[in-house]
Every structure is written in C-alpha cells, then in structure tokens.
Amino acid sequence: MREIITLQCTECKRKNYSKTKNKKTKTERLELKKFCAFCRTHKVHREIK
C-alpha cells in the first residue's frame, strides 16, 4: 500500500520532487536532503500533503 507524496523545499517552498512511500511502516513525515534547482544548492525537502 504505497502512496505518492510530494517533497517541498524548506527554503523557497517550491514542490520539486515526488516519491512513493509506504504509509503503514513510515507514519512520520519524510525529510530528505535533495538538490533544489531554484536555490541551486542542496536543501532539506519535506513531505507535504
């Protein structure tokens, strides 16, 4: 039971990535350090609803 989530940059608030996540095993919000093309650096991206 995997669902598609969207990752948003914490600095510029742009939605840059989409990813699948198993909601039964991972209940907390996902945080990954990814490259933001708008900030031109690696920033923390957080899961949004």
N, C-alpha and C. Protein backbone atom coordinates (compact mmCIF):
# COMPACT_ATOMS: atom_id res chain seq x y z
N MET A 1 0.84 -1.19 0.00
CA MET A 1 0.00 0.00 0.00
C MET A 1 0.88 1.24 0.00
N ARG A 2 1.39 1.58 -1.16
CA ARG A 2 2.26 2.74 -1.30
C ARG A 2 1.48 3.91 -1.88
N GLU A 3 1.79 5.10 -1.38
CA GLU A 3 1.12 6.30 -1.85
C GLU A 3 2.15 7.29 -2.37
N ILE A 4 1.74 8.10 -3.34
CA ILE A 4 2.63 9.10 -3.92
C ILE A 4 2.60 10.34 -3.03
N ILE A 5 3.79 10.82 -2.65
CA ILE A 5 3.90 12.03 -1.83
C ILE A 5 4.70 13.07 -2.64
N THR A 6 4.62 14.32 -2.22
CA THR A 6 5.34 15.42 -2.85
C THR A 6 6.31 16.00 -1.85
N LEU A 7 7.54 16.29 -2.31
CA LEU A 7 8.56 16.89 -1.45
C LEU A 7 8.71 18.37 -1.81
N GLN A 8 8.73 19.21 -0.76
CA GLN A 8 8.79 20.66 -0.94
C GLN A 8 10.06 21.19 -0.29
N CYS A 9 10.73 22.12 -0.95
CA CYS A 9 11.93 22.75 -0.41
C CYS A 9 11.56 23.60 0.81
N THR A 10 12.38 23.51 1.85
CA THR A 10 12.08 24.28 3.07
C THR A 10 12.47 25.75 2.93
N GLU A 11 13.37 26.07 1.98
CA GLU A 11 13.80 27.45 1.81
C GLU A 11 12.88 28.25 0.89
N CYS A 12 12.70 27.76 -0.34
CA CYS A 12 11.93 28.53 -1.32
C CYS A 12 10.48 28.06 -1.44
N LYS A 13 10.10 26.97 -0.77
CA LYS A 13 8.73 26.44 -0.72
C LYS A 13 8.21 25.96 -2.08
N ARG A 14 9.11 25.54 -2.97
CA ARG A 14 8.69 25.01 -4.27
C ARG A 14 8.63 23.50 -4.22
N LYS A 15 7.65 22.95 -4.93
CA LYS A 15 7.46 21.50 -4.98
C LYS A 15 8.35 20.93 -6.08
N ASN A 16 9.41 20.22 -5.71
CA ASN A 16 10.41 19.79 -6.67
C ASN A 16 10.39 18.30 -6.97
N TYR A 17 10.03 17.46 -6.02
CA TYR A 17 10.15 16.02 -6.19
C TYR A 17 8.86 15.31 -5.80
N SER A 18 8.63 14.15 -6.42
CA SER A 18 7.55 13.26 -5.98
C SER A 18 8.16 11.89 -5.74
N LYS A 19 7.59 11.15 -4.79
CA LYS A 19 8.17 9.89 -4.35
C LYS A 19 7.05 9.02 -3.81
N THR A 20 7.25 7.70 -3.78
CA THR A 20 6.26 6.81 -3.18
C THR A 20 6.72 6.44 -1.78
N LYS A 21 5.74 6.22 -0.90
CA LYS A 21 6.03 5.92 0.49
C LYS A 21 5.02 4.93 1.01
N ASN A 22 5.46 3.98 1.82
CA ASN A 22 4.58 3.03 2.46
C ASN A 22 4.05 3.68 3.74
N LYS A 23 2.77 3.99 3.76
CA LYS A 23 2.18 4.73 4.89
C LYS A 23 2.01 3.86 6.13
N LYS A 24 2.00 2.54 5.98
CA LYS A 24 1.84 1.66 7.15
C LYS A 24 3.12 1.56 7.96
N THR A 25 4.27 1.54 7.30
CA THR A 25 5.53 1.41 8.04
C THR A 25 6.14 2.75 8.40
N LYS A 26 5.95 3.76 7.60
CA LYS A 26 6.51 5.10 7.84
C LYS A 26 5.36 6.08 8.06
N THR A 27 5.04 6.36 9.30
CA THR A 27 3.91 7.24 9.60
C THR A 27 4.32 8.70 9.73
N GLU A 28 5.61 8.96 10.04
CA GLU A 28 6.05 10.34 10.20
C GLU A 28 6.34 10.96 8.84
N ARG A 29 6.48 12.28 8.81
CA ARG A 29 6.75 12.98 7.56
C ARG A 29 8.19 12.76 7.14
N LEU A 30 8.38 12.56 5.84
CA LEU A 30 9.68 12.27 5.28
C LEU A 30 10.47 13.55 5.07
N GLU A 31 11.77 13.53 5.42
CA GLU A 31 12.67 14.66 5.19
C GLU A 31 13.92 14.14 4.52
N LEU A 32 14.24 14.67 3.34
CA LEU A 32 15.43 14.27 2.59
C LEU A 32 16.20 15.50 2.16
N LYS A 33 17.52 15.37 2.10
CA LYS A 33 18.34 16.45 1.60
C LYS A 33 18.52 16.23 0.10
N LYS A 34 17.89 17.09 -0.71
CA LYS A 34 17.88 16.95 -2.17
C LYS A 34 18.34 18.26 -2.80
N PHE A 35 18.66 18.20 -4.09
CA PHE A 35 19.08 19.39 -4.82
C PHE A 35 17.86 20.20 -5.23
N CYS A 36 17.87 21.48 -4.93
CA CYS A 36 16.81 22.39 -5.35
C CYS A 36 17.34 23.20 -6.53
N ALA A 37 16.69 23.08 -7.67
CA ALA A 37 17.14 23.77 -8.88
C ALA A 37 16.93 25.27 -8.79
N PHE A 38 16.00 25.72 -7.97
CA PHE A 38 15.73 27.16 -7.84
C PHE A 38 16.70 27.83 -6.88
N CYS A 39 17.07 27.13 -5.80
CA CYS A 39 18.06 27.66 -4.85
C CYS A 39 19.49 27.38 -5.32
N ARG A 40 19.65 26.41 -6.24
CA ARG A 40 20.93 25.99 -6.81
C ARG A 40 21.87 25.36 -5.78
N THR A 41 21.31 24.80 -4.69
CA THR A 41 22.10 24.10 -3.68
C THR A 41 21.30 22.92 -3.15
N HIS A 42 21.94 22.10 -2.32
CA HIS A 42 21.24 21.00 -1.66
C HIS A 42 20.56 21.56 -0.40
N LYS A 43 19.26 21.33 -0.31
CA LYS A 43 18.45 21.81 0.82
C LYS A 43 17.60 20.65 1.34
N VAL A 44 17.07 20.81 2.53
CA VAL A 44 16.15 19.81 3.10
C VAL A 44 14.80 19.95 2.41
N HIS A 45 14.27 18.84 1.93
CA HIS A 45 12.94 18.79 1.33
C HIS A 45 12.04 17.99 2.25
N ARG A 46 10.87 18.52 2.54
CA ARG A 46 9.94 17.92 3.48
C ARG A 46 8.67 17.47 2.78
N GLU A 47 8.10 16.39 3.26
CA GLU A 47 6.85 15.88 2.69
C GLU A 47 5.70 16.82 2.98
N ILE A 48 4.87 17.05 1.96
CA ILE A 48 3.66 17.86 2.15
C ILE A 48 2.45 17.02 1.77
N LYS A 49 1.31 17.46 2.16
CA LYS A 49 0.06 16.75 1.86
C LYS A 49 -0.49 17.20 0.54
